[in-house]
Each structure stands twice: as structure tokens, then as C-alpha cells.
């Protein structure tokens, strides 16, 4: 089998390269797993923001949690975007929009679907929390 994995989807992929070698797939899998955690954290922050509307002390806690989750999302989206070989302009737009909670959640879902398509086209098994980087072996 060849060292690169071709993307066999019928639609051309506009925003990412069509071939990845096994080490690149492992890197994508590593950050893809973190996307699942970032989605859960984003949902939790959105719920906390809604619940904290009536309590000033809870709003302070929600603010600091929002900052922490935003930094984590920034890290995940940047690394997943670079490992998916997104162009710089799109990557900058994605990363800058992290601190808008609902938009960040939508972007995480978008990045999740792009990585899922990549793994399906490469024949990599994906579980509930993403693909296991250790399951992608060099051939």
C-alpha cells in the first residue's frame, strides 16, 4: 500500500490537502481527540453562562472558565487546522473567532466533520472520542 492516503470523496476538498501520510494522520488523530473534549467544554461553558445570568459571583467564575476554555479551544483549533493543512487565512479566521462561544462551538463541529471525513476516506476506525493515534501504523 502507498505511503500517502488519497481522499476519495466525490466532492473536491476546497480547504485541505488531499493526501496525508501516516505520521500526518497520527497528528490529526491526536488533535481530533482533543476536539471532542473541546466540544464538551464549550457546551459546559455555554450552560454555565446561561445559568450565571442571575448571580454576580457565578458570573466571575464563568468568566474565568470561559477564558480557560477559550485558550484550550484556540490551541486545539490551531493545531488541528495546521495538521489538516488549512490555508493560513482560513486558519486565522477560525482561531480569531474562538472567543465567541456559540461560534466556537460551530467551528469545533465543522473541524470535527472535516477530520471525520479524512479518517473515513483513509479507512481509520473512529470511536466516540475520536481516532486513536496509536492505531495508525506505518505500512
Protein backbone atom coordinates (compact mmCIF):
# COMPACT_ATOMS: atom_id res chain seq x y z
CA UNK A 1 0.00 0.00 0.00
CA UNK A 2 1.25 3.53 -0.75
CA UNK A 3 2.63 5.81 1.98
CA UNK A 4 0.07 8.54 1.26
CA UNK A 5 -3.65 8.28 1.72
CA UNK A 6 -5.80 9.77 -1.00
CA UNK A 7 -9.09 11.46 -0.23
CA UNK A 8 -11.64 9.55 -2.33
CA UNK A 9 -14.70 11.69 -1.73
CA UNK A 10 -16.66 12.70 -4.81
CA UNK A 11 -16.63 16.39 -3.89
CA UNK A 12 -13.27 18.14 -4.14
CA UNK A 13 -11.98 19.31 -0.77
CA UNK A 14 -11.56 23.06 -1.07
CA UNK A 15 -9.84 23.83 2.19
CA UNK A 16 -7.47 20.98 2.83
CA UNK A 17 -4.86 18.95 1.04
CA UNK A 18 -5.98 15.66 -0.46
CA UNK A 19 -3.16 13.42 0.72
CA UNK A 20 -1.75 12.63 4.12
CA UNK A 21 0.96 10.19 5.12
CA UNK A 22 0.61 8.01 8.21
CA UNK A 23 2.56 10.32 10.53
CA UNK A 24 0.34 13.24 9.45
CA UNK A 25 -2.76 11.11 10.10
CA UNK A 26 -1.45 10.34 13.61
CA UNK A 27 -1.00 14.07 14.25
CA UNK A 28 -4.55 14.79 13.02
CA UNK A 29 -5.85 11.96 15.24
CA UNK A 30 -4.11 13.45 18.28
CA UNK A 31 -5.81 16.83 17.88
CA UNK A 32 -9.06 15.29 16.68
CA UNK A 33 -9.40 13.57 20.06
CA UNK A 34 -8.93 16.94 21.75
CA UNK A 35 -11.74 18.42 19.62
CA UNK A 36 -14.20 16.08 21.34
CA UNK A 37 -13.08 17.38 24.72
CA UNK A 38 -13.21 20.97 23.48
CA UNK A 39 -16.80 20.48 22.27
CA UNK A 40 -17.82 19.16 25.69
CA UNK A 41 -16.04 22.07 27.40
CA UNK A 42 -17.73 24.56 25.07
CA UNK A 43 -21.18 23.13 25.82
CA UNK A 44 -20.40 23.29 29.53
CA UNK A 45 -19.30 26.94 29.31
CA UNK A 46 -22.43 27.88 27.36
CA UNK A 47 -24.62 26.24 30.02
CA UNK A 48 -22.62 27.97 32.78
CA UNK A 49 -23.03 31.34 31.06
CA UNK A 50 -26.80 30.88 30.86
CA UNK A 51 -27.05 29.75 34.49
CA UNK A 52 -24.82 32.56 35.78
CA UNK A 53 -27.01 35.35 34.44
CA UNK A 54 -28.68 35.94 37.82
CA UNK A 55 -25.67 35.60 40.13
CA UNK A 56 -22.75 38.08 40.03
CA UNK A 57 -20.38 35.73 41.87
CA UNK A 58 -21.11 32.92 39.43
CA UNK A 59 -20.54 35.32 36.54
CA UNK A 60 -16.97 35.93 37.74
CA UNK A 61 -16.33 32.18 37.86
CA UNK A 62 -17.95 31.76 34.43
CA UNK A 63 -15.70 34.49 33.02
CA UNK A 64 -12.50 32.74 34.15
CA UNK A 65 -13.77 29.36 32.94
CA UNK A 66 -14.63 30.97 29.60
CA UNK A 67 -11.08 32.32 29.29
CA UNK A 68 -9.57 28.90 30.09
CA UNK A 69 -11.84 27.04 27.67
CA UNK A 70 -11.17 29.69 25.01
CA UNK A 71 -7.42 29.17 25.32
CA UNK A 72 -7.90 25.40 25.08
CA UNK A 73 -10.11 25.79 22.00
CA UNK A 74 -7.56 28.15 20.44
CA UNK A 75 -4.85 25.51 20.95
CA UNK A 76 -6.99 22.68 19.57
CA UNK A 77 -8.32 24.56 16.54
CA UNK A 78 -4.92 25.95 15.57
CA UNK A 79 -3.17 22.58 15.82
CA UNK A 80 -5.96 20.65 14.11
CA UNK A 81 -6.17 23.26 11.34
CA UNK A 82 -2.43 23.11 10.69
CA UNK A 83 -2.43 19.31 10.76
CA UNK A 84 -5.36 19.30 8.28
CA UNK A 85 -3.28 21.66 6.11
CA UNK A 86 -5.81 24.50 6.08
CA UNK A 87 -4.61 27.69 4.36
CA UNK A 88 -3.37 30.49 6.61
CA UNK A 89 -6.25 32.92 6.03
CA UNK A 90 -8.91 30.36 6.95
CA UNK A 91 -6.86 29.25 9.94
CA UNK A 92 -6.58 32.83 11.22
CA UNK A 93 -10.34 33.39 10.85
CA UNK A 94 -11.12 30.16 12.68
CA UNK A 95 -8.74 30.86 15.54
CA UNK A 96 -9.81 34.51 15.99
CA UNK A 97 -13.45 33.55 16.35
CA UNK A 98 -12.77 31.25 19.32
CA UNK A 99 -13.89 33.74 21.95
CA UNK A 100 -17.46 33.91 20.64
CA UNK A 101 -18.90 30.90 22.48
CA UNK A 102 -21.62 29.72 20.08
CA UNK A 103 -19.46 30.39 17.00
CA UNK A 104 -16.57 28.49 18.60
CA UNK A 105 -18.87 25.50 19.15
CA UNK A 106 -19.96 25.62 15.49
CA UNK A 107 -16.32 25.79 14.37
CA UNK A 108 -15.41 22.83 16.55
CA UNK A 109 -18.23 20.85 14.95
CA UNK A 110 -17.00 21.90 11.48
CA UNK A 111 -13.42 20.83 12.24
CA UNK A 112 -14.77 17.58 13.70
CA UNK A 113 -16.62 16.78 10.48
CA UNK A 114 -13.58 17.58 8.30
CA UNK A 115 -11.36 15.28 10.35
CA UNK A 116 -14.04 12.58 10.35
CA UNK A 117 -14.20 12.68 6.54
CA UNK A 118 -10.42 12.41 6.35
CA UNK A 119 -10.34 9.36 8.62
CA UNK A 120 -13.22 7.65 6.81
CA UNK A 121 -11.50 8.15 3.45
CA UNK A 122 -8.26 6.77 4.93
CA UNK A 123 -10.02 3.74 6.41
CA UNK A 124 -9.17 4.66 10.01
CA UNK A 125 -11.60 3.48 12.69
CA UNK A 126 -13.02 6.36 14.72
CA UNK A 127 -14.54 5.85 18.16
CA UNK A 128 -16.71 8.08 20.34
CA UNK A 129 -13.83 10.33 21.42
CA UNK A 130 -12.01 10.30 18.08
CA UNK A 131 -9.41 8.19 16.35
CA UNK A 132 -6.67 6.54 18.38
CA UNK A 133 -3.29 7.83 17.12
CA UNK A 134 -1.65 4.54 18.16
CA UNK A 135 -3.95 2.58 15.84
CA UNK A 136 -2.49 4.29 12.75
CA UNK A 137 0.55 2.20 11.89
CA UNK A 138 3.21 2.83 9.25
CA UNK A 139 2.86 0.43 6.36
